[in-house]
Every structure is written in structure tokens, then in C-alpha cells.
Amino acid sequence: MAITVRRKSGMFFESVTTSVITNLSTALGAIIGAFLLYVLTQAGKFTRRYMKRNTIEHQLDTALHIQELLTEARLKWGAARVYVFQFSNGTYYANQVSQLNMTCTHQSVAPGVSTIGESKKEYLVSQYPEMFSDLLNQNCIFKDIDEIDYPTMKAVLMSQGVKTFLATSFSCPSKPTKIEGFVGIDYMTTSKAEVGPEVCNELSGFTERIGEELRS
């Protein structure tokens, strides 16, 4: 009689174990299925967004909108030139280190003021280490030409007749230390004292808006 009880007990536990495994397998299958569906959905969204961003129509719409924003800012702040520089990976050096370049991609200039990049489209970021170090550590660079202690940048600005220079960077939202570019403002005849601190205070929010437009 004892043997019979043990055999039934064993069958009972076998049945329970089989049921548990079946339920776990079903639940696991549902979880995996939901996860795969989520991944495929997100991948589809990314693909559609990527394709949209790379159409000529979308790029032109973005360029026109940014041009309007830069012109509004230039007129509002009385600047000679407002511009956007974006970073990109260039070719690789012999040691396999990527050559980081910056390119002026958008700008608005006052009548009679020369545009940036008429003779040169790309600049090596490594030639302006002091300025970009400050962009990483400061909210806004706001200097008269005589105060600028970035030798290469100072030479460039002086050759263009700039009297006062402002700049603020925009970064990747998920990686604040990863600078994607910066917005610069040049004044040809106005001093830092005449410009006033309010422009520097407003430039940070404006720059973030430009960054969002470029990512859209």
C-alpha cells in the first residue's frame, strides 16, 4: 500500500512539474514575442525617421527654418553675423585616430558683412583646443577681441574684423559632454559692454533650440 501511495505521489509531482514548465514556457514565449515586436517596431520607426531626415525635402525644410531662426536672432540682438558650426568625423590619421572637423552649415549675415567659409569649408577642431575646452566648461563664451586668449581663433576673428564674439555649444541630450556643434555671434562695431549680458543669457536656450531642429 505504501508503494502505491509513493507512485501516485510521484505521478502527482510529475504532473505539477510538467504544468509549471508548460506555463513558464508559454509566459517566456509571450515575453520574447512582445520584446521582438517592440524591437521590430522601434527599428521600423528609426528606419522611417532616418529615411525622412535624409530626403532633400526634409533637409531643405530644416535649413529654411534654421535660417529664419538665425535671421530673427541676428536682428533681435543687433549682430553682424549669427552662424552654426557642426562637427563631423573626417578622414583618419596614420595612428587610426579620427580627424574631427567643424563646418559652418548655417548662417545669417547683415548686409555688407562677409559670410563664413567663402574660402574654406572645413576647420580642424584640433586647431582650436582652448576655445572648445571653454565651451565644455562654460555656459557661454562672451569676449571682446582683446580678451580672447585662443590664438588661432583670435587670428581668424581679427582677420574678419570681429570686435565682440559669443558662442554656446549644443550637445547630445543623452551625453551632455558630447558636443555636436555651436552657435556663434559676431559683432563688428559693438563692444561687449554695448552688447550687454542679456544676449549671453538668452543664447543658451536659443542654441538648444537649434540643436533640436538639427536632430528633428
Protein backbone atom coordinates (compact mmCIF):
# COMPACT_ATOMS: atom_id res chain seq x y z
CA MET A 1 0.00 0.00 0.00
CA ALA A 2 2.89 2.38 0.82
CA ILE A 3 4.43 1.72 -2.59
CA THR A 4 1.17 2.61 -4.31
CA VAL A 5 0.98 5.93 -2.43
CA ARG A 6 4.53 6.85 -3.39
CA ARG A 7 3.90 6.07 -7.07
CA LYS A 8 0.79 8.25 -7.08
CA SER A 9 2.70 11.00 -5.29
CA GLY A 10 5.43 10.78 -7.89
CA MET A 11 2.89 10.98 -10.69
CA PHE A 12 1.32 13.98 -8.99
CA PHE A 13 4.59 15.87 -8.75
CA GLU A 14 5.46 14.92 -12.33
CA SER A 15 2.13 16.32 -13.43
CA VAL A 16 2.66 19.54 -11.42
CA THR A 17 6.20 19.94 -12.75
CA THR A 18 5.02 19.43 -16.32
CA SER A 19 2.26 22.01 -15.82
CA VAL A 20 4.69 24.55 -14.34
CA ILE A 21 7.17 24.08 -17.17
CA THR A 22 4.40 24.44 -19.73
CA ASN A 23 3.16 27.67 -18.12
CA LEU A 24 6.68 29.06 -17.85
CA SER A 25 7.36 28.21 -21.47
CA THR A 26 4.14 29.93 -22.54
CA ALA A 27 4.94 33.01 -20.46
CA LEU A 28 8.52 33.12 -21.68
CA GLY A 29 7.35 32.76 -25.26
CA ALA A 30 4.92 35.65 -24.77
CA ILE A 31 7.66 37.83 -23.27
CA ILE A 32 10.09 37.05 -26.07
CA GLY A 33 7.38 37.68 -28.65
CA ALA A 34 6.48 41.04 -27.10
CA PHE A 35 10.16 42.00 -26.92
CA LEU A 36 10.76 41.09 -30.56
CA LEU A 37 7.66 43.03 -31.59
CA TYR A 38 8.92 46.07 -29.65
CA VAL A 39 12.38 45.81 -31.24
CA LEU A 40 10.93 45.49 -34.75
CA THR A 41 8.56 48.40 -34.14
CA GLN A 42 11.36 50.65 -32.88
CA ALA A 43 13.59 49.58 -35.76
CA GLY A 44 10.83 50.48 -38.18
CA LYS A 45 10.38 53.88 -36.58
CA PHE A 46 14.13 54.52 -36.69
CA THR A 47 14.31 53.48 -40.34
CA ARG A 48 11.40 55.73 -41.30
CA ARG A 49 12.87 58.64 -39.34
CA TYR A 50 16.32 58.08 -40.86
CA MET A 51 14.90 57.96 -44.38
CA LYS A 52 12.81 61.07 -43.74
CA ARG A 53 15.81 63.01 -42.37
CA ASN A 54 17.83 62.14 -45.47
CA THR A 55 15.31 63.32 -48.04
CA ILE A 56 16.08 66.56 -49.86
CA GLU A 57 12.68 67.98 -48.92
CA HIS A 58 13.24 67.44 -45.19
CA GLN A 59 16.76 68.86 -45.27
CA LEU A 60 15.59 71.94 -47.17
CA ASP A 61 12.70 72.49 -44.74
CA THR A 62 15.13 72.25 -41.81
CA ALA A 63 17.62 74.60 -43.47
CA LEU A 64 14.94 77.18 -44.21
CA HIS A 65 13.58 77.04 -40.66
CA ILE A 66 17.04 77.40 -39.11
CA GLN A 67 17.80 80.27 -41.49
CA GLU A 68 14.67 82.06 -40.27
CA LEU A 69 15.66 81.49 -36.62
CA LEU A 70 19.19 82.80 -37.19
CA THR A 71 17.93 85.89 -39.02
CA GLU A 72 15.40 86.63 -36.27
CA ALA A 73 18.16 86.29 -33.66
CA ARG A 74 20.57 88.49 -35.61
CA LEU A 75 18.00 91.26 -35.97
CA LYS A 76 16.85 90.94 -32.35
CA TRP A 77 20.40 91.14 -30.95
CA GLY A 78 21.73 93.61 -33.49
CA ALA A 79 24.55 91.30 -34.56
CA ALA A 80 26.55 91.34 -37.75
CA ARG A 81 26.60 87.59 -38.13
CA VAL A 82 24.93 84.57 -36.46
CA TYR A 83 26.05 81.11 -37.52
CA VAL A 84 26.03 77.39 -36.75
CA PHE A 85 29.04 75.10 -36.80
CA GLN A 86 28.54 71.32 -36.70
CA PHE A 87 31.13 68.65 -36.03
CA SER A 88 31.81 65.68 -38.27
CA ASN A 89 34.33 62.85 -38.47
CA GLY A 90 36.74 63.38 -41.32
CA THR A 91 39.41 61.00 -42.53
CA TYR A 92 41.69 59.02 -40.22
CA TYR A 93 45.27 59.77 -39.33
CA ALA A 94 48.00 57.11 -39.67
CA ASN A 95 47.51 56.20 -35.98
CA GLN A 96 43.81 55.48 -36.72
CA VAL A 97 42.60 58.49 -34.70
CA SER A 98 39.59 60.15 -36.32
CA GLN A 99 40.11 63.65 -37.69
CA LEU A 100 37.34 65.78 -36.15
CA ASN A 101 36.25 68.67 -38.36
CA MET A 102 33.80 71.52 -37.93
CA THR A 103 31.82 73.03 -40.76
CA CYS A 104 29.72 76.18 -40.92
CA THR A 105 26.38 74.71 -42.00
CA HIS A 106 24.03 77.69 -41.49
CA GLN A 107 24.48 81.44 -41.17
CA SER A 108 22.73 84.77 -41.35
CA VAL A 109 24.74 87.91 -42.08
CA ALA A 110 23.91 91.61 -42.15
CA PRO A 111 24.18 93.48 -45.47
CA GLY A 112 27.82 94.18 -46.33
CA VAL A 113 29.18 91.51 -43.95
CA SER A 114 31.13 88.61 -45.46
CA THR A 115 29.94 85.05 -44.96
CA ILE A 116 31.95 82.36 -43.19
CA GLY A 117 33.51 79.65 -45.27
CA GLU A 118 33.79 81.52 -48.56
CA SER A 119 37.38 80.33 -48.92
CA LYS A 120 37.39 77.37 -46.54
CA LYS A 121 34.57 74.98 -45.74
CA GLU A 122 36.07 72.81 -43.01
CA TYR A 123 38.21 73.57 -39.97
CA LEU A 124 40.15 71.13 -37.82
CA VAL A 125 38.81 71.08 -34.26
CA SER A 126 42.33 70.27 -33.01
CA GLN A 127 43.44 73.78 -34.03
CA TYR A 128 41.07 75.38 -31.51
CA PRO A 129 41.60 73.38 -28.28
CA GLU A 130 41.36 76.35 -25.89
CA MET A 131 38.01 77.51 -27.24
CA PHE A 132 36.39 74.08 -27.15
CA SER A 133 37.72 73.44 -23.68
CA ASP A 134 35.91 76.61 -22.59
CA LEU A 135 32.75 75.56 -24.45
CA LEU A 136 32.75 72.33 -22.44
CA ASN A 137 33.21 74.13 -19.13
CA GLN A 138 31.27 77.36 -19.64
CA ASN A 139 27.68 78.12 -20.50
CA CYS A 140 28.63 80.95 -22.83
CA ILE A 141 31.82 82.47 -24.24
CA PHE A 142 31.40 86.25 -24.31
CA LYS A 143 34.56 88.25 -25.08
CA ASP A 144 35.85 91.40 -26.68
CA ILE A 145 38.50 90.64 -29.28
CA ASP A 146 41.24 91.86 -26.93
CA GLU A 147 40.06 89.42 -24.22
CA ILE A 148 40.18 86.34 -26.43
CA ASP A 149 43.05 84.08 -25.42
CA TYR A 150 42.56 81.47 -28.16
CA PRO A 151 45.48 82.29 -30.53
CA THR A 152 44.16 80.58 -33.66
CA MET A 153 40.53 81.66 -33.17
CA LYS A 154 41.60 85.20 -32.33
CA ALA A 155 43.59 85.43 -35.56
CA VAL A 156 40.59 84.21 -37.57
CA LEU A 157 38.20 86.67 -35.90
CA MET A 158 40.61 89.60 -36.25
CA SER A 159 41.05 88.88 -39.96
CA GLN A 160 37.27 89.19 -40.31
CA GLY A 161 37.09 92.45 -38.37
CA VAL A 162 35.17 90.99 -35.41
CA LYS A 163 35.07 93.19 -32.31
CA THR A 164 32.95 91.03 -29.97
CA PHE A 165 32.45 87.26 -30.06
CA LEU A 166 29.88 85.00 -28.39
CA ALA A 167 29.46 81.23 -28.62
CA THR A 168 27.45 78.48 -26.93
CA SER A 169 27.56 74.77 -27.72
CA PHE A 170 24.71 72.30 -28.14
CA SER A 171 25.21 68.70 -27.06
CA CYS A 172 23.70 65.25 -27.44
CA PRO A 173 20.76 65.06 -24.94
CA SER A 174 21.86 61.66 -23.62
CA LYS A 175 25.55 62.63 -23.45
CA PRO A 176 25.95 66.26 -22.30
CA THR A 177 29.73 66.12 -22.73
CA LYS A 178 29.39 65.13 -26.40
CA ILE A 179 29.32 68.47 -28.23
CA GLU A 180 27.54 68.30 -31.58
CA GLY A 181 28.26 71.89 -32.58
CA PHE A 182 27.92 75.51 -31.51
CA VAL A 183 26.18 78.76 -32.35
CA GLY A 184 28.41 81.82 -32.76
CA ILE A 185 27.61 85.54 -32.85
CA ASP A 186 29.91 88.22 -34.25
CA TYR A 187 29.73 91.98 -33.73
CA MET A 188 31.89 94.16 -35.96
CA THR A 189 31.41 97.58 -34.37
CA THR A 190 29.80 96.85 -31.00
CA SER A 191 31.78 96.26 -27.82
CA LYS A 192 30.99 93.69 -25.14
CA ALA A 193 29.75 96.43 -22.81
CA GLU A 194 27.42 97.75 -25.51
CA VAL A 195 26.07 94.29 -26.34
CA GLY A 196 25.14 93.61 -22.71
CA PRO A 197 24.85 90.33 -20.77
CA GLU A 198 21.24 89.64 -21.77
CA VAL A 199 22.34 88.28 -25.17
CA CYS A 200 24.62 85.73 -23.49
CA ASN A 201 21.80 84.77 -21.12
CA GLU A 202 19.37 84.18 -24.00
CA LEU A 203 21.87 82.47 -26.30
CA SER A 204 21.93 79.20 -24.33
CA GLY A 205 18.22 78.50 -24.80
CA PHE A 206 18.39 79.59 -28.44
CA THR A 207 21.32 77.24 -29.09
CA GLU A 208 19.47 74.25 -27.61
CA ARG A 209 16.56 75.02 -29.89
CA ILE A 210 18.90 75.00 -32.89
CA GLY A 211 20.28 71.64 -31.76
CA GLU A 212 16.77 70.19 -31.53
CA GLU A 213 15.93 71.43 -35.02
CA LEU A 214 19.06 69.80 -36.45
CA ARG A 215 18.15 66.46 -34.82
CA SER A 216 14.50 66.50 -35.93
